[in-house]
Amino acid sequence: MPAEETNTRAWQIYGQRQLARAYTPPIPEQLGWTPWEGVGPGAEVLGDITGRRVLDIGSGAGHHAVHLAQAHGARVTGIELSPTQHERAVSANAHVDGVEFVQADVAEYVAGAEPFDAAYAIGTLAFIDPHRSLSALRDGLSPGAPLILSLLHTDLHGRGPSTEVAPREQMILLRDHPPLPTQMWALAPQLWEDLLTEYGFRVEAIDLFPHPDGSATVIQQLIRARRIPDRPARVSSRPRSTRAPAAHAAVGVGAILLSEQGVLLGRHRRGTLEVPGGSLEAGETFEDAVIRELAEETGLVARTNDVRLLGTLIDHVEGVLRVTIGALVHAWQGQPATQPGESIGDWAWHPLDQLPDGLFVCSAQILAAWRPDLPIDHPPAHFTPFAHRTPVPMAAGGATGGLTRRSQ
């Protein structure tokens, strides 16, 4: 039986048993993201939701939705696939102002609904194929809307998260009944970050909350993400990942290639747009590093005389000093193409007046140092230009490509 069908059946049985018990959970005084009272933040992670449309994904008995409507003035839609869980919510809370309960598949529902201002899932999104749910939620949320996910990290048996995007069996524990088997996508934080990035979200934080009883192994993770705007007024930049760069990779190079079609940018597998470049290897000059990275990532061939170093950019990331050397490559041979085994590909030329959103921070800093008039937002970095005996040409072009930059 497919994973999501297994889960639908399990939650149908679970809801039926809770209806038979006539059990309705109390409305909480504070929104809780973990199974343990007092552990983790409250509704403040959703931001100001007064009067805003909020989607509760897998709303169950509806007690979280009711809390947000009554305590925070939100207009909450609780979406629930299980008919019996939906029945529990409606029978107990249908009279509450500011709350509506819908029995439907979340991906199908948001496809036809007005975009929501915020969405959250407390322990539920892991029962849906993330490729299906995140793709739908991207279109079902307004630009800039928060998406807050509480997900299992390490279970009661001490099993840590999966390192591949695949479901595995997880039991729903019930009082006076045998456990119900489900299929859950219990993924490592970095996998969730990769998936969210792929489907148009920016991950702002991932927190792990262990069981308050130190002898228990279960850990809950809380992911705070935000739907990336379609097209901001200015081109933005963002970190490639929430993790700090490795200390051995603190010195790197980035190369600007400009043709008549624009500047050359490739897409990293984590979603950022970047100029060719990478880490310096032992014994290399900066020019040699530019030539090597250019060949490895794009297949283009350049010579030392084709490379003009611009200067150094220095910033700090998680306590690591990062030094990036910007360079102009004014001549090359070949056509840029995705290279086997490289993390960056899909090379394309982008006009300077139509730069894409989502530049990698280092690439954004290099381009802004080269052309301060470009509308690029990025974290600050100290730029020290290299002195040149002859001025860098303002513009060049031709079949092999070109560059622009005045000397500083």
Protein backbone atom coordinates (compact mmCIF):
# COMPACT_ATOMS: atom_id res chain seq x y z
CA MET A 1 0.00 0.00 0.00
CA PRO A 2 1.42 3.46 -0.89
CA ALA A 3 2.70 5.48 2.06
CA GLU A 4 0.06 8.19 2.04
CA GLU A 5 -2.77 5.65 1.75
CA THR A 6 -1.36 3.84 4.78
CA ASN A 7 -1.36 7.11 6.71
CA THR A 8 -4.89 8.03 5.64
CA ARG A 9 -6.16 4.68 6.92
CA ALA A 10 -4.24 5.00 10.21
CA TRP A 11 -5.58 8.48 11.01
CA GLN A 12 -9.10 7.39 10.07
CA ILE A 13 -8.88 4.59 12.65
CA TYR A 14 -7.26 6.90 15.20
CA GLY A 15 -10.05 9.47 14.84
CA GLN A 16 -12.74 6.79 15.10
CA ARG A 17 -11.26 5.50 18.34
CA GLN A 18 -11.06 9.00 19.80
CA LEU A 19 -14.69 9.61 18.83
CA ALA A 20 -15.66 6.40 20.57
CA ARG A 21 -13.88 7.60 23.69
CA ALA A 22 -15.61 10.99 23.34
CA TYR A 23 -12.23 12.57 23.96
CA THR A 24 -11.70 16.22 23.09
CA PRO A 25 -8.34 17.79 23.97
CA PRO A 26 -8.54 21.04 25.96
CA ILE A 27 -7.84 24.35 24.24
CA PRO A 28 -4.21 25.15 25.18
CA GLU A 29 -3.25 28.37 26.93
CA GLN A 30 -0.15 28.55 24.75
CA LEU A 31 0.58 27.08 21.33
CA GLY A 32 3.00 24.19 21.82
CA TRP A 33 5.28 22.90 19.09
CA THR A 34 6.49 19.86 21.03
CA PRO A 35 4.58 17.07 22.84
CA TRP A 36 5.92 18.41 26.15
CA GLU A 37 4.35 21.34 27.94
CA GLY A 38 6.64 24.34 28.39
CA VAL A 39 9.29 23.12 25.93
CA GLY A 40 9.92 25.40 22.97
CA PRO A 41 8.45 28.73 21.85
CA GLY A 42 4.82 29.71 21.45
CA ALA A 43 2.73 31.37 18.76
CA GLU A 44 5.19 34.28 18.50
CA VAL A 45 7.18 32.36 15.87
CA LEU A 46 4.26 32.93 13.48
CA GLY A 47 4.64 36.70 13.82
CA ASP A 48 1.69 39.06 14.14
CA ILE A 49 -1.30 37.03 12.91
CA THR A 50 -4.08 39.32 14.15
CA GLY A 51 -6.75 39.36 11.46
CA ARG A 52 -4.61 37.26 9.14
CA ARG A 53 -5.53 34.04 7.35
CA VAL A 54 -3.63 31.12 8.87
CA LEU A 55 -3.60 27.51 7.64
CA ASP A 56 -3.43 24.70 10.22
CA ILE A 57 -2.15 21.64 8.31
CA GLY A 58 -3.48 18.40 9.78
CA SER A 59 -5.63 20.20 12.32
CA GLY A 60 -6.87 17.06 14.08
CA ALA A 61 -9.33 17.90 16.87
CA GLY A 62 -8.90 21.62 16.12
CA HIS A 63 -7.65 22.78 19.53
CA HIS A 64 -4.57 24.59 18.13
CA ALA A 65 -6.68 26.46 15.57
CA VAL A 66 -9.15 27.54 18.25
CA HIS A 67 -6.33 28.85 20.45
CA LEU A 68 -4.93 31.02 17.64
CA ALA A 69 -8.37 32.43 16.84
CA GLN A 70 -9.34 33.18 20.44
CA ALA A 71 -5.99 34.26 21.89
CA HIS A 72 -4.40 35.93 18.84
CA GLY A 73 -7.30 37.07 16.67
CA ALA A 74 -6.26 34.99 13.66
CA ARG A 75 -8.66 33.69 11.01
CA VAL A 76 -7.72 30.02 10.97
CA THR A 77 -8.57 27.31 8.47
CA GLY A 78 -7.99 23.81 9.81
CA ILE A 79 -7.39 21.38 6.96
CA GLU A 80 -7.72 17.67 7.78
CA LEU A 81 -7.71 14.66 5.43
CA SER A 82 -9.18 12.16 7.91
CA PRO A 83 -13.03 12.34 8.00
CA THR A 84 -13.11 11.14 11.61
CA GLN A 85 -10.54 13.69 12.76
CA HIS A 86 -12.51 16.37 10.91
CA GLU A 87 -15.68 15.19 12.65
CA ARG A 88 -13.98 15.58 16.04
CA ALA A 89 -13.01 19.18 15.24
CA VAL A 90 -16.42 20.19 13.91
CA SER A 91 -18.42 18.55 16.70
CA ALA A 92 -16.42 20.35 19.39
CA ASN A 93 -15.53 23.69 17.81
CA ALA A 94 -17.86 24.53 14.92
CA HIS A 95 -19.33 27.41 16.94
CA VAL A 96 -15.99 29.22 17.43
CA ASP A 97 -15.67 32.54 15.61
CA GLY A 98 -12.65 32.95 13.38
CA VAL A 99 -12.21 29.21 12.73
CA GLU A 100 -13.35 26.99 9.87
CA PHE A 101 -12.63 23.30 9.42
CA VAL A 102 -12.26 21.70 5.99
CA GLN A 103 -11.99 18.00 5.23
CA ALA A 104 -9.69 17.74 2.21
CA ASP A 105 -6.19 16.96 1.00
CA VAL A 106 -4.01 19.97 1.77
CA ALA A 107 -2.25 20.01 -1.61
CA GLU A 108 -5.54 19.89 -3.50
CA TYR A 109 -7.21 22.44 -1.22
CA VAL A 110 -4.57 25.19 -1.41
CA ALA A 111 -4.47 24.89 -5.21
CA GLY A 112 -7.93 26.47 -5.34
CA ALA A 113 -7.82 28.71 -2.26
CA GLU A 114 -6.77 32.30 -1.80
CA PRO A 115 -3.11 32.38 -0.62
CA PHE A 116 -2.70 32.25 3.16
CA ASP A 117 -0.71 34.72 5.28
CA ALA A 118 0.89 31.96 7.38
CA ALA A 119 0.84 28.18 7.74
CA TYR A 120 1.94 25.68 10.34
CA ALA A 121 1.95 21.94 10.98
CA ILE A 122 2.45 20.39 14.40
CA GLY A 123 3.70 16.85 13.87
CA THR A 124 1.64 16.31 10.71
CA LEU A 125 3.51 17.34 7.56
CA ALA A 126 5.87 14.37 7.88
CA PHE A 127 2.96 12.08 6.91
CA ILE A 128 2.75 13.66 3.43
CA ASP A 129 5.27 13.29 0.60
CA PRO A 130 7.30 16.52 0.96
CA HIS A 131 7.74 16.89 -2.80
CA ARG A 132 3.95 17.09 -3.09
CA SER A 133 3.16 19.15 -0.01
CA LEU A 134 5.93 21.77 -0.28
CA SER A 135 5.28 22.37 -3.96
CA ALA A 136 1.62 23.06 -3.20
CA LEU A 137 2.33 25.19 -0.12
CA ARG A 138 4.69 27.40 -2.08
CA ASP A 139 1.78 28.41 -4.30
CA GLY A 140 -0.70 28.40 -1.41
CA LEU A 141 1.14 31.02 0.68
CA SER A 142 1.50 34.75 0.10
CA PRO A 143 5.01 36.09 -0.65
CA GLY A 144 6.94 36.43 2.61
CA ALA A 145 4.49 34.25 4.57
CA PRO A 146 5.96 32.10 7.39
CA LEU A 147 5.77 28.30 7.30
CA ILE A 148 6.45 26.72 10.72
CA LEU A 149 6.91 22.95 10.92
CA SER A 150 7.21 20.76 14.02
CA LEU A 151 8.62 17.39 12.99
CA LEU A 152 9.98 14.26 14.60
CA HIS A 153 13.78 14.11 14.62
CA THR A 154 14.66 11.12 16.81
CA ASP A 155 11.88 8.70 17.82
CA LEU A 156 11.06 6.79 21.01
CA HIS A 157 13.29 3.93 19.89
CA GLY A 158 16.31 6.20 19.44
CA ARG A 159 16.27 6.08 15.65
CA GLY A 160 17.67 9.29 14.24
CA PRO A 161 16.38 11.06 11.13
CA SER A 162 16.67 9.61 7.65
CA THR A 163 19.43 10.83 5.34
CA GLU A 164 17.33 10.20 2.22
CA VAL A 165 13.94 11.56 1.17
CA ALA A 166 11.98 8.37 1.78
CA PRO A 167 9.31 7.32 4.30
CA ARG A 168 9.80 4.68 6.95
CA GLU A 169 7.48 2.95 9.43
CA GLN A 170 6.54 4.86 12.57
CA MET A 171 3.90 3.83 15.09
CA ILE A 172 1.05 5.94 16.50
CA LEU A 173 0.77 4.92 20.16
CA LEU A 174 -2.76 4.57 21.56
CA ARG A 175 -4.06 3.98 25.06
CA ASP A 176 -5.83 0.60 25.38
CA HIS A 177 -5.29 -0.17 21.69
CA PRO A 178 -2.44 -1.67 19.69
CA PRO A 179 -0.21 0.88 17.91
CA LEU A 180 -1.13 1.97 14.41
CA PRO A 181 1.62 1.66 11.74
CA THR A 182 2.22 4.71 9.55
CA GLN A 183 4.79 5.80 6.98
CA MET A 184 6.61 8.97 8.01
CA TRP A 185 9.15 11.19 6.27
CA ALA A 186 11.36 11.68 9.36
CA LEU A 187 14.20 13.56 7.67
CA ALA A 188 17.45 15.13 8.84
CA PRO A 189 17.35 18.93 9.23
CA GLN A 190 19.64 19.49 6.25
CA LEU A 191 17.33 17.42 4.04
CA TRP A 192 14.35 19.52 5.11
CA GLU A 193 16.35 22.66 4.40
CA ASP A 194 17.32 21.39 0.94
CA LEU A 195 13.69 20.52 0.14
CA LEU A 196 12.32 23.83 1.39
CA THR A 197 14.95 25.73 -0.59
CA GLU A 198 14.12 23.72 -3.70
CA TYR A 199 10.44 24.63 -3.43
CA GLY A 200 10.84 28.36 -2.89
CA PHE A 201 11.26 28.80 0.86
CA ARG A 202 14.05 30.41 2.86
CA VAL A 203 14.92 28.54 6.06
CA GLU A 204 15.47 31.00 8.90
CA ALA A 205 16.13 28.60 11.81
CA ILE A 206 16.06 24.93 12.77
CA ASP A 207 15.88 24.12 16.49
CA LEU A 208 16.07 20.70 18.16
CA PHE A 209 14.15 20.08 21.39
CA PRO A 210 15.02 16.92 23.35
CA HIS A 211 12.59 15.21 25.72
CA PRO A 212 12.65 16.99 29.10
CA ASP A 213 13.40 13.63 30.69
CA GLY A 214 17.07 13.22 29.95
CA SER A 215 16.76 9.43 29.84
CA ALA A 216 14.36 9.57 26.86
CA THR A 217 15.82 9.65 23.36
CA VAL A 218 13.01 11.34 21.43
CA ILE A 219 13.84 14.74 19.89
CA GLN A 220 11.50 17.15 18.11
CA GLN A 221 12.74 19.61 15.49
CA LEU A 222 11.16 22.98 14.77
CA ILE A 223 11.75 24.53 11.36
CA ARG A 224 11.03 28.19 10.72
CA ALA A 225 10.86 29.00 7.01
CA ARG A 226 9.43 31.78 4.88
CA ARG A 227 8.00 31.79 1.37
CA ILE A 228 10.42 33.70 -0.88
CA PRO A 229 8.79 36.70 -2.61
CA ASP A 230 8.20 36.35 -6.34
CA ARG A 231 10.22 39.38 -7.37
CA PRO A 232 11.32 42.01 -4.84
CA ALA A 233 12.05 45.58 -5.87
CA ARG A 234 15.76 44.86 -5.39
CA VAL A 235 17.73 41.72 -6.11
CA SER A 236 18.33 39.86 -2.86
CA SER A 237 21.09 37.61 -1.65
CA ARG A 238 20.97 34.85 0.93
CA PRO A 239 23.25 32.34 2.61
CA ARG A 240 23.59 29.05 0.77
CA SER A 241 22.87 27.19 4.00
CA THR A 242 22.23 27.82 7.70
CA ARG A 243 25.49 25.98 8.46
CA ALA A 244 28.73 27.90 8.83
CA PRO A 245 31.35 27.39 6.10
CA ALA A 246 34.06 24.92 7.00
CA ALA A 247 37.17 26.59 8.38
CA HIS A 248 39.45 25.08 5.72
CA ALA A 249 37.30 26.72 3.01
CA ALA A 250 37.57 30.24 4.39
CA VAL A 251 39.61 31.55 1.42
CA GLY A 252 38.09 31.41 -2.03
CA VAL A 253 37.85 33.08 -5.43
CA GLY A 254 34.97 34.22 -7.63
CA ALA A 255 35.21 35.07 -11.32
CA ILE A 256 33.18 37.59 -13.31
CA LEU A 257 32.75 36.77 -17.00
CA LEU A 258 30.79 39.26 -19.11
CA SER A 259 29.67 38.65 -22.67
CA GLU A 260 27.32 40.56 -24.89
CA GLN A 261 24.49 38.54 -23.31
CA GLY A 262 25.40 39.48 -19.74
CA VAL A 263 27.26 38.06 -16.73
CA LEU A 264 27.75 34.29 -16.34
CA LEU A 265 25.88 32.68 -13.42
CA GLY A 266 25.24 29.05 -12.51
CA ARG A 267 22.75 27.46 -10.12
CA HIS A 268 24.08 25.64 -7.06
CA ARG A 269 22.28 22.45 -6.03
CA ARG A 270 21.15 24.36 -2.91
CA GLY A 271 19.37 26.89 -5.11
CA THR A 272 21.63 29.97 -5.06
CA LEU A 273 22.85 31.70 -8.25
CA GLU A 274 26.64 32.08 -8.34
CA VAL A 275 29.60 33.23 -10.41
CA PRO A 276 32.23 30.54 -11.12
CA GLY A 277 34.59 30.06 -8.22
CA GLY A 278 35.50 28.06 -5.16
CA SER A 279 38.07 27.41 -2.47
CA LEU A 280 41.78 28.03 -2.85
CA GLU A 281 43.95 24.91 -2.85
CA ALA A 282 47.37 24.64 -1.23
CA GLY A 283 50.15 26.11 -3.40
CA GLU A 284 47.83 27.93 -5.80
CA THR A 285 47.95 31.57 -6.76
CA PHE A 286 44.62 33.36 -6.88
CA GLU A 287 44.87 33.47 -10.69
CA ASP A 288 45.53 29.71 -10.83
CA ALA A 289 42.53 29.07 -8.57
CA VAL A 290 40.28 31.13 -10.87
CA ILE A 291 41.49 29.23 -13.96
CA ARG A 292 41.09 25.82 -12.28
CA GLU A 293 37.61 26.52 -10.88
CA LEU A 294 36.48 27.95 -14.21
CA ALA A 295 37.55 24.79 -16.03
CA GLU A 296 36.15 22.41 -13.39
CA GLU A 297 32.75 24.09 -13.11
CA THR A 298 32.05 25.40 -16.63
CA GLY A 299 34.51 23.69 -19.01
CA LEU A 300 35.85 27.10 -20.10
CA VAL A 301 39.61 27.51 -20.63
CA ALA A 302 41.46 30.69 -19.66
CA ARG A 303 45.10 31.73 -19.20
CA THR A 304 46.83 33.62 -16.42
CA ASN A 305 47.04 36.77 -18.55
CA ASP A 306 43.26 36.61 -19.02
CA VAL A 307 42.63 37.05 -15.27
CA ARG A 308 42.60 40.42 -13.50
CA LEU A 309 42.23 40.32 -9.71
CA LEU A 310 39.92 42.99 -8.31
CA GLY A 311 40.65 42.81 -4.60
CA THR A 312 39.72 41.10 -1.34
CA LEU A 313 36.34 40.96 0.38
CA ILE A 314 36.38 40.09 4.08
CA ASP A 315 33.42 39.21 6.29
CA HIS A 316 32.62 36.89 9.20
CA VAL A 317 30.23 33.91 9.20
CA GLU A 318 29.55 32.08 12.47
CA GLY A 319 32.96 33.16 13.82
CA VAL A 320 34.86 32.11 10.68
CA LEU A 321 36.85 34.79 8.86
CA ARG A 322 35.94 34.53 5.17
CA VAL A 323 38.24 36.05 2.53
CA THR A 324 36.97 36.13 -1.05
CA ILE A 325 39.08 37.27 -3.99
CA GLY A 326 37.10 38.76 -6.84
CA ALA A 327 38.47 38.49 -10.36
CA LEU A 328 37.63 39.54 -13.92
CA VAL A 329 38.22 37.07 -16.75
CA HIS A 330 38.36 39.03 -20.01
CA ALA A 331 38.99 36.18 -22.48
CA TRP A 332 38.27 32.45 -22.58
CA GLN A 333 37.76 29.54 -24.93
CA GLY A 334 34.71 27.29 -25.19
CA GLN A 335 31.06 27.49 -24.17
CA PRO A 336 29.92 27.17 -20.53
CA ALA A 337 28.24 23.85 -19.73
CA THR A 338 27.28 21.79 -16.69
CA GLN A 339 30.18 19.53 -15.72
CA PRO A 340 29.75 15.99 -14.28
CA GLY A 341 30.07 15.77 -10.52
CA GLU A 342 30.04 19.55 -9.91
CA SER A 343 27.63 21.17 -7.44
CA ILE A 344 26.97 24.14 -9.78
CA GLY A 345 25.54 23.93 -13.28
CA ASP A 346 22.85 25.27 -15.63
CA TRP A 347 25.17 28.10 -16.66
CA ALA A 348 23.52 31.07 -18.34
CA TRP A 349 24.21 34.70 -19.22
CA HIS A 350 22.16 37.30 -17.33
CA PRO A 351 21.92 40.97 -18.42
CA LEU A 352 23.18 43.32 -15.70
CA ASP A 353 19.84 45.12 -15.61
CA GLN A 354 17.96 41.82 -15.13
CA LEU A 355 19.98 40.01 -12.48
CA PRO A 356 18.09 37.08 -10.91
CA ASP A 357 16.97 36.97 -7.31
CA GLY A 358 18.72 34.68 -4.82
CA LEU A 359 22.41 35.36 -5.45
CA PHE A 360 24.87 33.56 -3.19
CA VAL A 361 26.25 36.05 -0.67
CA CYS A 362 29.89 35.88 -1.89
CA SER A 363 28.84 36.31 -5.52
CA ALA A 364 26.63 39.24 -4.59
CA GLN A 365 29.52 40.90 -2.74
CA ILE A 366 31.90 40.41 -5.69
CA LEU A 367 29.44 41.85 -8.20
CA ALA A 368 28.65 44.84 -5.96
CA ALA A 369 32.37 45.56 -5.42
CA TRP A 370 32.91 45.42 -9.18
CA ARG A 371 29.86 47.54 -10.01
CA PRO A 372 28.56 49.48 -6.98
CA ASP A 373 25.67 50.77 -9.10
CA LEU A 374 24.10 47.30 -9.37
CA PRO A 375 20.92 46.98 -7.20
CA ILE A 376 22.12 44.07 -5.04
CA ASP A 377 21.38 43.65 -1.35
CA HIS A 378 23.93 41.63 0.62
CA PRO A 379 25.56 41.42 4.06
CA PRO A 380 28.41 43.93 4.46
CA ALA A 381 31.97 42.98 3.60
CA HIS A 382 35.18 45.03 3.68
CA PHE A 383 36.55 45.45 0.16
CA THR A 384 40.23 46.25 -0.46
CA PRO A 385 40.97 46.80 -4.18
CA PHE A 386 44.23 45.67 -5.73
CA ALA A 387 46.32 48.37 -7.39
CA HIS A 388 46.81 48.02 -11.17
CA ARG A 389 49.39 49.79 -13.32
CA THR A 390 47.01 49.92 -16.26
CA PRO A 391 43.28 50.63 -16.04
CA VAL A 392 40.81 47.83 -16.42
CA PRO A 393 38.78 48.39 -19.62
CA MET A 394 35.24 49.68 -19.12
CA ALA A 395 33.79 47.14 -21.55
CA ALA A 396 34.89 44.35 -23.83
CA GLY A 397 33.10 41.71 -25.83
CA GLY A 398 33.30 39.31 -28.69
CA ALA A 399 32.79 35.67 -29.45
CA THR A 400 34.84 34.53 -26.49
CA GLY A 401 33.26 36.87 -23.91
CA GLY A 402 34.26 40.01 -22.06
CA LEU A 403 34.26 42.03 -18.82
CA THR A 404 33.64 45.45 -17.40
CA ARG A 405 35.15 47.37 -14.47
CA ARG A 406 36.99 50.59 -13.85
CA SER A 407 40.17 50.48 -11.75
CA GLN A 408 39.90 51.56 -8.14
